[in-house]
Amino acid sequence: MAAARGEDGSAAAGRAAPPAAEVSVSVDGGRVRATVRAPVRTLGGRLPRITVVATAVAAVEPGVAEGHS
């Protein structure tokens, strides 16, 4: 994850996430957590949208200052 390397995690997530997705990136000590929530149409749009949620956790790489996102 970009935030674990000291980059702007929110900006990187916004470029990679699907349209209409909500992205949150947080740093807690030596870990970075990114969560993406995205609405998805099922069965060709015949059923209501569902929300798919995924979370990834990575260790902050050595040498990266704490408190970045």
N, C-alpha and C. Protein backbone atom coordinates (compact mmCIF):
# COMPACT_ATOMS: atom_id res chain seq x y z
N MET A 1 0.84 -1.17 0.00
CA MET A 1 0.00 0.00 0.00
C MET A 1 0.88 1.24 0.00
N ALA A 2 0.43 2.25 -0.68
CA ALA A 2 1.21 3.47 -0.82
C ALA A 2 1.51 4.13 0.52
N ALA A 3 0.53 4.15 1.42
CA ALA A 3 0.73 4.81 2.72
C ALA A 3 1.82 4.12 3.53
N ALA A 4 1.98 2.82 3.38
CA ALA A 4 3.03 2.09 4.10
C ALA A 4 4.42 2.47 3.61
N ARG A 5 4.48 3.02 2.38
CA ARG A 5 5.76 3.47 1.81
C ARG A 5 5.99 4.95 2.05
N GLY A 6 5.06 5.62 2.74
CA GLY A 6 5.21 7.04 3.02
C GLY A 6 4.54 7.94 2.00
N GLU A 7 3.82 7.37 1.05
CA GLU A 7 3.13 8.16 0.04
C GLU A 7 1.74 8.55 0.53
N ASP A 8 1.04 9.39 -0.22
CA ASP A 8 -0.31 9.79 0.13
C ASP A 8 -1.26 8.64 -0.18
N GLY A 9 -1.66 7.91 0.85
CA GLY A 9 -2.49 6.73 0.68
C GLY A 9 -3.87 7.04 0.13
N SER A 10 -4.45 8.15 0.56
CA SER A 10 -5.80 8.50 0.08
C SER A 10 -5.79 8.81 -1.41
N ALA A 11 -4.78 9.52 -1.87
CA ALA A 11 -4.70 9.85 -3.30
C ALA A 11 -4.49 8.59 -4.13
N ALA A 12 -3.62 7.70 -3.67
CA ALA A 12 -3.37 6.46 -4.41
C ALA A 12 -4.62 5.59 -4.45
N ALA A 13 -5.32 5.52 -3.34
CA ALA A 13 -6.55 4.72 -3.28
C ALA A 13 -7.61 5.29 -4.21
N GLY A 14 -7.71 6.61 -4.27
CA GLY A 14 -8.68 7.24 -5.15
C GLY A 14 -8.44 6.95 -6.61
N ARG A 15 -7.18 6.78 -6.98
CA ARG A 15 -6.85 6.45 -8.38
C ARG A 15 -7.18 4.99 -8.70
N ALA A 16 -7.09 4.11 -7.71
CA ALA A 16 -7.26 2.68 -7.96
C ALA A 16 -8.68 2.18 -7.69
N ALA A 17 -9.42 2.88 -6.86
CA ALA A 17 -10.76 2.42 -6.45
C ALA A 17 -11.77 2.60 -7.59
N PRO A 18 -12.81 1.78 -7.58
CA PRO A 18 -13.85 1.92 -8.61
C PRO A 18 -14.65 3.21 -8.41
N PRO A 19 -15.38 3.66 -9.43
CA PRO A 19 -16.21 4.86 -9.30
C PRO A 19 -17.21 4.71 -8.16
N ALA A 20 -17.49 5.79 -7.47
CA ALA A 20 -18.45 5.87 -6.37
C ALA A 20 -17.99 5.14 -5.11
N ALA A 21 -16.74 4.72 -5.07
CA ALA A 21 -16.22 4.03 -3.89
C ALA A 21 -15.88 5.03 -2.79
N GLU A 22 -16.03 4.59 -1.55
CA GLU A 22 -15.59 5.36 -0.38
C GLU A 22 -14.30 4.71 0.10
N VAL A 23 -13.26 5.52 0.28
CA VAL A 23 -11.97 4.99 0.69
C VAL A 23 -11.54 5.66 1.99
N SER A 24 -11.07 4.86 2.94
CA SER A 24 -10.50 5.43 4.16
C SER A 24 -9.14 4.78 4.39
N VAL A 25 -8.18 5.61 4.79
CA VAL A 25 -6.82 5.15 5.08
C VAL A 25 -6.47 5.67 6.45
N SER A 26 -5.99 4.77 7.33
CA SER A 26 -5.59 5.20 8.67
C SER A 26 -4.26 4.57 9.03
N VAL A 27 -3.51 5.28 9.86
CA VAL A 27 -2.23 4.79 10.36
C VAL A 27 -2.36 4.64 11.86
N ASP A 28 -2.01 3.47 12.37
CA ASP A 28 -2.07 3.20 13.80
C ASP A 28 -0.75 2.56 14.21
N GLY A 29 0.14 3.37 14.78
CA GLY A 29 1.45 2.85 15.15
C GLY A 29 2.21 2.42 13.91
N GLY A 30 2.57 1.15 13.85
CA GLY A 30 3.35 0.65 12.73
C GLY A 30 2.53 -0.03 11.66
N ARG A 31 1.21 0.21 11.66
CA ARG A 31 0.33 -0.42 10.66
C ARG A 31 -0.49 0.61 9.91
N VAL A 32 -0.74 0.32 8.65
CA VAL A 32 -1.62 1.13 7.81
C VAL A 32 -2.80 0.27 7.43
N ARG A 33 -4.00 0.84 7.54
CA ARG A 33 -5.22 0.12 7.19
C ARG A 33 -5.96 0.92 6.12
N ALA A 34 -6.30 0.25 5.03
CA ALA A 34 -7.09 0.88 3.97
C ALA A 34 -8.38 0.09 3.80
N THR A 35 -9.50 0.81 3.80
CA THR A 35 -10.80 0.17 3.62
C THR A 35 -11.51 0.83 2.45
N VAL A 36 -12.07 0.00 1.58
CA VAL A 36 -12.81 0.48 0.41
C VAL A 36 -14.22 -0.09 0.46
N ARG A 37 -15.21 0.78 0.30
CA ARG A 37 -16.62 0.38 0.22
C ARG A 37 -17.11 0.84 -1.16
N ALA A 38 -17.66 -0.10 -1.92
CA ALA A 38 -18.10 0.25 -3.27
C ALA A 38 -19.44 -0.40 -3.59
N PRO A 39 -20.37 0.37 -4.16
CA PRO A 39 -21.65 -0.21 -4.59
C PRO A 39 -21.43 -1.03 -5.86
N VAL A 40 -22.10 -2.19 -5.92
CA VAL A 40 -21.94 -3.09 -7.06
C VAL A 40 -23.33 -3.55 -7.51
N ARG A 41 -23.55 -3.54 -8.81
CA ARG A 41 -24.81 -4.08 -9.35
C ARG A 41 -24.65 -5.59 -9.51
N THR A 42 -25.69 -6.31 -9.20
CA THR A 42 -25.64 -7.76 -9.33
C THR A 42 -26.57 -8.23 -10.45
N LEU A 43 -26.23 -9.31 -11.06
CA LEU A 43 -27.05 -9.94 -12.10
C LEU A 43 -27.55 -8.95 -13.16
N GLY A 44 -26.62 -8.18 -13.68
CA GLY A 44 -26.97 -7.29 -14.77
C GLY A 44 -27.89 -6.15 -14.39
N GLY A 45 -27.95 -5.81 -13.13
CA GLY A 45 -28.75 -4.68 -12.71
C GLY A 45 -30.20 -5.01 -12.39
N ARG A 46 -30.54 -6.27 -12.39
CA ARG A 46 -31.94 -6.64 -12.11
C ARG A 46 -32.26 -6.59 -10.63
N LEU A 47 -31.26 -6.74 -9.79
CA LEU A 47 -31.45 -6.68 -8.34
C LEU A 47 -30.88 -5.37 -7.81
N PRO A 48 -31.25 -4.99 -6.60
CA PRO A 48 -30.68 -3.76 -6.04
C PRO A 48 -29.16 -3.88 -5.87
N ARG A 49 -28.52 -2.74 -5.82
CA ARG A 49 -27.08 -2.73 -5.60
C ARG A 49 -26.75 -3.27 -4.22
N ILE A 50 -25.59 -3.90 -4.12
CA ILE A 50 -25.07 -4.29 -2.82
C ILE A 50 -23.77 -3.52 -2.61
N THR A 51 -23.34 -3.42 -1.37
CA THR A 51 -22.08 -2.75 -1.07
C THR A 51 -21.04 -3.80 -0.72
N VAL A 52 -19.93 -3.77 -1.44
CA VAL A 52 -18.81 -4.67 -1.19
C VAL A 52 -17.77 -3.89 -0.39
N VAL A 53 -17.25 -4.53 0.66
CA VAL A 53 -16.26 -3.89 1.52
C VAL A 53 -15.01 -4.76 1.58
N ALA A 54 -13.85 -4.12 1.45
CA ALA A 54 -12.58 -4.84 1.58
C ALA A 54 -11.62 -3.99 2.40
N THR A 55 -10.82 -4.67 3.22
CA THR A 55 -9.83 -3.99 4.05
C THR A 55 -8.48 -4.66 3.85
N ALA A 56 -7.44 -3.85 3.75
CA ALA A 56 -6.08 -4.37 3.67
C ALA A 56 -5.26 -3.70 4.77
N VAL A 57 -4.35 -4.48 5.35
CA VAL A 57 -3.47 -3.97 6.41
C VAL A 57 -2.04 -4.27 6.01
N ALA A 58 -1.16 -3.28 6.21
CA ALA A 58 0.25 -3.46 5.89
C ALA A 58 1.10 -2.81 6.97
N ALA A 59 2.28 -3.34 7.17
CA ALA A 59 3.23 -2.74 8.11
C ALA A 59 3.85 -1.51 7.45
N VAL A 60 4.08 -0.47 8.25
CA VAL A 60 4.78 0.71 7.76
C VAL A 60 6.22 0.30 7.50
N GLU A 61 6.74 0.66 6.33
CA GLU A 61 8.10 0.27 5.98
C GLU A 61 9.11 1.00 6.85
N PRO A 62 10.24 0.36 7.14
CA PRO A 62 11.27 1.00 7.96
C PRO A 62 11.72 2.33 7.36
N GLY A 63 11.92 3.30 8.20
CA GLY A 63 12.38 4.61 7.74
C GLY A 63 11.27 5.58 7.39
N VAL A 64 10.02 5.13 7.40
CA VAL A 64 8.89 6.01 7.08
C VAL A 64 8.40 6.61 8.40
N ALA A 65 8.26 7.94 8.43
CA ALA A 65 7.82 8.62 9.65
C ALA A 65 6.39 8.27 9.97
N GLU A 66 6.06 8.16 11.28
CA GLU A 66 4.69 7.90 11.71
C GLU A 66 3.83 9.12 11.46
N GLY A 67 2.52 8.88 11.37
CA GLY A 67 1.56 9.98 11.23
C GLY A 67 1.25 10.36 9.80
N HIS A 68 1.81 9.66 8.83
CA HIS A 68 1.46 9.95 7.43
C HIS A 68 0.18 9.23 7.09
N SER A 69 -0.44 9.56 5.94
CA SER A 69 -1.62 8.81 5.47
C SER A 69 -1.64 8.71 4.01
